[in-house]
Amino acid sequence: MAAVWAVDDIAFKSGPIISPRHYRKFIFPWYEEFVHIAHQHNLKVFFHTDGVLWDLLEDLIALGIDALHPIDPICMDIDAFKAKVGKRVCLIGNTSNQVLEDGNQEEVAQLTKERLRTLAPGGGYILGSGNSVTDDARLEDYKTMLETNRLYGGYPIRVAN
């Protein structure tokens, strides 16, 4: 599978950067064309945006994006988000950058297992960070996230409740 990754933060922690009405009028028609062109070339569209997306969620799905990143845990509850979107769009991320920066390897492993346990069954989830991985993230913790995913993230999901 090949994909294009569109990165365009459209929301803050408090909600959309501009009015949803303005997104619908001025911005989303361009995204819709972008998605259409990508899909014509058999490319998936992964979309990155920070912030609280509730007011824009249905618009993003209607554009036809295939995956949404990062569902930042500072801003959004990914379990509520997954319940709302179901299988209409794949979710990527939500492993807390704070834990990758300040946690220990056991905390990273436990958080990774929790994400896999609650979000991966049935598909529609790709493990990843809760935002762009910063320079403050410890390499050992990031590797722990990846190794935990390797051990437990294959289907069928093998993380006990």
C-alpha atoms as a PDB file:
ATOM      1  CA  MET A   1       0.000   0.000   0.000  1.00  0.00           C
ATOM      2  CA  ALA A   2       1.224   3.476  -0.816  1.00  0.00           C
ATOM      3  CA  ALA A   3      -0.026   6.645   0.811  1.00  0.00           C
ATOM      4  CA  VAL A   4       0.427  10.379   0.873  1.00  0.00           C
ATOM      5  CA  TRP A   5       0.669  12.139   4.196  1.00  0.00           C
ATOM      6  CA  ALA A   6      -1.048  15.516   4.345  1.00  0.00           C
ATOM      7  CA  VAL A   7       0.161  17.600   7.278  1.00  0.00           C
ATOM      8  CA  ASP A   8      -1.893  20.683   8.021  1.00  0.00           C
ATOM      9  CA  ASP A   9      -2.818  21.489  11.598  1.00  0.00           C
ATOM     10  CA  ILE A  10      -6.391  22.750  11.494  1.00  0.00           C
ATOM     11  CA  ALA A  11      -7.205  22.876  15.201  1.00  0.00           C
ATOM     12  CA  PHE A  12      -5.906  24.037  18.567  1.00  0.00           C
ATOM     13  CA  LYS A  13      -6.457  22.433  21.971  1.00  0.00           C
ATOM     14  CA  SER A  14      -9.537  24.668  22.174  1.00  0.00           C
ATOM     15  CA  GLY A  15     -10.995  23.689  18.774  1.00  0.00           C
ATOM     16  CA  PRO A  16     -10.714  24.650  15.098  1.00  0.00           C
ATOM     17  CA  ILE A  17      -8.236  27.388  14.165  1.00  0.00           C
ATOM     18  CA  ILE A  18     -10.878  29.077  12.005  1.00  0.00           C
ATOM     19  CA  SER A  19     -14.623  28.709  11.797  1.00  0.00           C
ATOM     20  CA  PRO A  20     -15.840  25.328  10.526  1.00  0.00           C
ATOM     21  CA  ARG A  21     -17.934  27.332   8.053  1.00  0.00           C
ATOM     22  CA  HIS A  22     -14.762  28.841   6.602  1.00  0.00           C
ATOM     23  CA  TYR A  23     -13.082  25.435   6.359  1.00  0.00           C
ATOM     24  CA  ARG A  24     -16.095  24.159   4.445  1.00  0.00           C
ATOM     25  CA  LYS A  25     -16.113  27.123   2.090  1.00  0.00           C
ATOM     26  CA  PHE A  26     -12.412  27.812   1.482  1.00  0.00           C
ATOM     27  CA  ILE A  27     -10.240  24.879   2.593  1.00  0.00           C
ATOM     28  CA  PHE A  28     -12.086  21.576   2.383  1.00  0.00           C
ATOM     29  CA  PRO A  29     -12.867  21.821  -1.363  1.00  0.00           C
ATOM     30  CA  TRP A  30      -9.092  21.786  -1.972  1.00  0.00           C
ATOM     31  CA  TYR A  31      -8.634  18.803   0.329  1.00  0.00           C
ATOM     32  CA  GLU A  32     -11.468  17.019  -1.427  1.00  0.00           C
ATOM     33  CA  GLU A  33      -9.708  17.476  -4.772  1.00  0.00           C
ATOM     34  CA  PHE A  34      -6.401  16.343  -3.240  1.00  0.00           C
ATOM     35  CA  VAL A  35      -8.035  13.164  -1.889  1.00  0.00           C
ATOM     36  CA  HIS A  36      -9.755  12.524  -5.208  1.00  0.00           C
ATOM     37  CA  ILE A  37      -6.470  12.797  -7.137  1.00  0.00           C
ATOM     38  CA  ALA A  38      -4.645  10.574  -4.645  1.00  0.00           C
ATOM     39  CA  HIS A  39      -7.349   7.917  -4.824  1.00  0.00           C
ATOM     40  CA  GLN A  40      -7.296   8.048  -8.639  1.00  0.00           C
ATOM     41  CA  HIS A  41      -3.635   7.026  -8.355  1.00  0.00           C
ATOM     42  CA  ASN A  42      -4.389   4.228  -5.868  1.00  0.00           C
ATOM     43  CA  LEU A  43      -2.865   6.152  -2.982  1.00  0.00           C
ATOM     44  CA  LYS A  44      -4.313   6.251   0.504  1.00  0.00           C
ATOM     45  CA  VAL A  45      -4.512   9.648   2.213  1.00  0.00           C
ATOM     46  CA  PHE A  46      -3.210   9.987   5.751  1.00  0.00           C
ATOM     47  CA  PHE A  47      -4.085  13.321   7.343  1.00  0.00           C
ATOM     48  CA  HIS A  48      -2.218  14.872  10.272  1.00  0.00           C
ATOM     49  CA  THR A  49      -3.729  17.577  12.417  1.00  0.00           C
ATOM     50  CA  ASP A  50      -3.444  18.487  16.049  1.00  0.00           C
ATOM     51  CA  GLY A  51      -6.174  19.756  18.288  1.00  0.00           C
ATOM     52  CA  VAL A  52      -9.796  19.187  19.156  1.00  0.00           C
ATOM     53  CA  LEU A  53     -11.513  17.940  16.023  1.00  0.00           C
ATOM     54  CA  TRP A  54     -15.091  17.234  17.114  1.00  0.00           C
ATOM     55  CA  ASP A  55     -16.528  20.135  15.071  1.00  0.00           C
ATOM     56  CA  LEU A  56     -14.632  19.022  11.940  1.00  0.00           C
ATOM     57  CA  LEU A  57     -14.723  15.250  12.295  1.00  0.00           C
ATOM     58  CA  GLU A  58     -17.623  14.503   9.953  1.00  0.00           C
ATOM     59  CA  ASP A  59     -16.182  16.915   7.378  1.00  0.00           C
ATOM     60  CA  LEU A  60     -12.812  15.150   7.435  1.00  0.00           C
ATOM     61  CA  ILE A  61     -14.460  11.773   6.980  1.00  0.00           C
ATOM     62  CA  ALA A  62     -16.624  13.120   4.151  1.00  0.00           C
ATOM     63  CA  LEU A  63     -13.468  14.268   2.346  1.00  0.00           C
ATOM     64  CA  GLY A  64     -12.557  10.619   2.000  1.00  0.00           C
ATOM     65  CA  ILE A  65      -9.333  10.583   4.014  1.00  0.00           C
ATOM     66  CA  ASP A  66      -8.253   7.073   4.862  1.00  0.00           C
ATOM     67  CA  ALA A  67      -6.428   7.679   8.141  1.00  0.00           C
ATOM     68  CA  LEU A  68      -6.191  10.417  10.754  1.00  0.00           C
ATOM     69  CA  HIS A  69      -3.160  11.160  12.959  1.00  0.00           C
ATOM     70  CA  PRO A  70      -2.408  11.717  15.858  1.00  0.00           C
ATOM     71  CA  ILE A  71      -5.538  12.038  18.019  1.00  0.00           C
ATOM     72  CA  ASP A  72      -3.287  13.817  20.513  1.00  0.00           C
ATOM     73  CA  PRO A  73      -4.073  12.537  24.041  1.00  0.00           C
ATOM     74  CA  ILE A  74      -3.630  16.065  25.395  1.00  0.00           C
ATOM     75  CA  CYS A  75      -6.630  17.140  23.330  1.00  0.00           C
ATOM     76  CA  MET A  76      -8.811  14.149  22.540  1.00  0.00           C
ATOM     77  CA  ASP A  77      -9.937  10.901  24.147  1.00  0.00           C
ATOM     78  CA  ILE A  78      -9.124   8.327  21.488  1.00  0.00           C
ATOM     79  CA  ASP A  79     -11.556   5.755  22.886  1.00  0.00           C
ATOM     80  CA  ALA A  80     -14.433   8.244  22.480  1.00  0.00           C
ATOM     81  CA  PHE A  81     -13.063   9.174  19.076  1.00  0.00           C
ATOM     82  CA  LYS A  82     -12.927   5.516  17.958  1.00  0.00           C
ATOM     83  CA  ALA A  83     -16.473   4.976  19.226  1.00  0.00           C
ATOM     84  CA  LYS A  84     -17.623   7.930  17.132  1.00  0.00           C
ATOM     85  CA  VAL A  85     -15.803   7.078  13.887  1.00  0.00           C
ATOM     86  CA  GLY A  86     -15.984   3.285  14.050  1.00  0.00           C
ATOM     87  CA  LYS A  87     -14.373   1.910  10.903  1.00  0.00           C
ATOM     88  CA  ARG A  88     -15.030   4.965   8.748  1.00  0.00           C
ATOM     89  CA  VAL A  89     -11.448   6.153   9.095  1.00  0.00           C
ATOM     90  CA  CYS A  90      -8.291   4.503  10.401  1.00  0.00           C
ATOM     91  CA  LEU A  91      -6.793   6.129  13.502  1.00  0.00           C
ATOM     92  CA  ILE A  92      -3.044   6.513  13.911  1.00  0.00           C
ATOM     93  CA  GLY A  93      -1.212   7.398  17.102  1.00  0.00           C
ATOM     94  CA  ASN A  94      -2.218   8.507  20.575  1.00  0.00           C
ATOM     95  CA  THR A  95       0.763   7.084  22.467  1.00  0.00           C
ATOM     96  CA  SER A  96       1.499   9.999  24.767  1.00  0.00           C
ATOM     97  CA  ASN A  97       4.610  11.950  23.857  1.00  0.00           C
ATOM     98  CA  GLN A  98       4.843  12.905  27.530  1.00  0.00           C
ATOM     99  CA  VAL A  99       5.226   9.229  28.424  1.00  0.00           C
ATOM    100  CA  LEU A 100       7.792   8.785  25.628  1.00  0.00           C
ATOM    101  CA  GLU A 101       9.723  11.741  27.085  1.00  0.00           C
ATOM    102  CA  ASP A 102       9.315  11.299  30.838  1.00  0.00           C
ATOM    103  CA  GLY A 103       8.017   7.779  31.435  1.00  0.00           C
ATOM    104  CA  ASN A 104       9.975   4.640  31.990  1.00  0.00           C
ATOM    105  CA  GLN A 105      10.025   1.619  29.706  1.00  0.00           C
ATOM    106  CA  GLU A 106       7.401  -0.210  31.773  1.00  0.00           C
ATOM    107  CA  GLU A 107       5.006   2.744  31.495  1.00  0.00           C
ATOM    108  CA  VAL A 108       5.571   2.891  27.734  1.00  0.00           C
ATOM    109  CA  ALA A 109       4.940  -0.856  27.400  1.00  0.00           C
ATOM    110  CA  GLN A 110       1.762  -0.660  29.487  1.00  0.00           C
ATOM    111  CA  LEU A 111       0.408   2.327  27.528  1.00  0.00           C
ATOM    112  CA  THR A 112       1.227   0.589  24.240  1.00  0.00           C
ATOM    113  CA  LYS A 113      -0.584  -2.575  25.349  1.00  0.00           C
ATOM    114  CA  GLU A 114      -3.582  -0.490  26.438  1.00  0.00           C
ATOM    115  CA  ARG A 115      -3.788   1.208  23.045  1.00  0.00           C
ATOM    116  CA  LEU A 116      -3.586  -2.165  21.293  1.00  0.00           C
ATOM    117  CA  ARG A 117      -6.137  -3.756  23.638  1.00  0.00           C
ATOM    118  CA  THR A 118      -8.752  -1.037  23.269  1.00  0.00           C
ATOM    119  CA  LEU A 119      -8.223   0.246  19.724  1.00  0.00           C
ATOM    120  CA  ALA A 120      -6.779  -2.488  17.513  1.00  0.00           C
ATOM    121  CA  PRO A 121      -9.396  -5.280  17.669  1.00  0.00           C
ATOM    122  CA  GLY A 122     -11.378  -5.304  14.463  1.00  0.00           C
ATOM    123  CA  GLY A 123      -8.814  -3.145  12.646  1.00  0.00           C
ATOM    124  CA  GLY A 124      -8.753   0.556  11.965  1.00  0.00           C
ATOM    125  CA  TYR A 125      -5.846   1.448  14.244  1.00  0.00           C
ATOM    126  CA  ILE A 126      -2.129   1.977  13.638  1.00  0.00           C
ATOM    127  CA  LEU A 127       0.055   2.367  16.710  1.00  0.00           C
ATOM    128  CA  GLY A 128       2.016   5.596  16.791  1.00  0.00           C
ATOM    129  CA  SER A 129       2.977   8.600  18.833  1.00  0.00           C
ATOM    130  CA  GLY A 130       0.483  11.153  20.119  1.00  0.00           C
ATOM    131  CA  ASN A 131       2.053  13.775  17.878  1.00  0.00           C
ATOM    132  CA  SER A 132       5.313  14.307  16.062  1.00  0.00           C
ATOM    133  CA  VAL A 133       8.018  12.616  18.102  1.00  0.00           C
ATOM    134  CA  THR A 134      10.099  15.338  19.721  1.00  0.00           C
ATOM    135  CA  ASP A 135      13.826  15.435  20.375  1.00  0.00           C
ATOM    136  CA  ASP A 136      12.947  15.026  24.070  1.00  0.00           C
ATOM    137  CA  ALA A 137      11.612  11.499  23.522  1.00  0.00           C
ATOM    138  CA  ARG A 138      14.029   8.883  24.761  1.00  0.00           C
ATOM    139  CA  LEU A 139      15.129   6.446  22.076  1.00  0.00           C
ATOM    140  CA  GLU A 140      14.865   3.541  24.544  1.00  0.00           C
ATOM    141  CA  ASP A 141      11.218   4.381  25.232  1.00  0.00           C
ATOM    142  CA  TYR A 142      10.387   4.722  21.545  1.00  0.00           C
ATOM    143  CA  LYS A 143      12.044   1.365  20.885  1.00  0.00           C
ATOM    144  CA  THR A 144      10.015  -0.104  23.763  1.00  0.00           C
ATOM    145  CA  MET A 145       6.812   1.111  22.089  1.00  0.00           C
ATOM    146  CA  LEU A 146       7.858  -0.536  18.810  1.00  0.00           C
ATOM    147  CA  GLU A 147       8.981  -3.774  20.458  1.00  0.00           C
ATOM    148  CA  THR A 148       5.764  -4.014  22.479  1.00  0.00           C
ATOM    149  CA  ASN A 149       3.811  -3.526  19.268  1.00  0.00           C
ATOM    150  CA  ARG A 150       5.867  -6.241  17.578  1.00  0.00           C
ATOM    151  CA  LEU A 151       5.113  -8.645  20.417  1.00  0.00           C
ATOM    152  CA  TYR A 152       1.411  -7.889  20.879  1.00  0.00           C
ATOM    153  CA  GLY A 153       0.182  -5.888  17.883  1.00  0.00           C
ATOM    154  CA  GLY A 154      -0.179  -8.622  15.279  1.00  0.00           C
ATOM    155  CA  TYR A 155      -3.604  -9.959  14.442  1.00  0.00           C
ATOM    156  CA  PRO A 156      -5.309 -11.489  16.158  1.00  0.00           C
ATOM    157  CA  ILE A 157      -4.485  -9.016  18.943  1.00  0.00           C
ATOM    158  CA  ARG A 158      -2.824 -10.919  21.782  1.00  0.00           C
ATOM    159  CA  VAL A 159      -3.026  -8.442  24.645  1.00  0.00           C
ATOM    160  CA  ALA A 160      -4.998  -9.869  27.578  1.00  0.00           C
ATOM    161  CA  ASN A 161      -7.714  -7.730  29.166  1.00  0.00           C
END
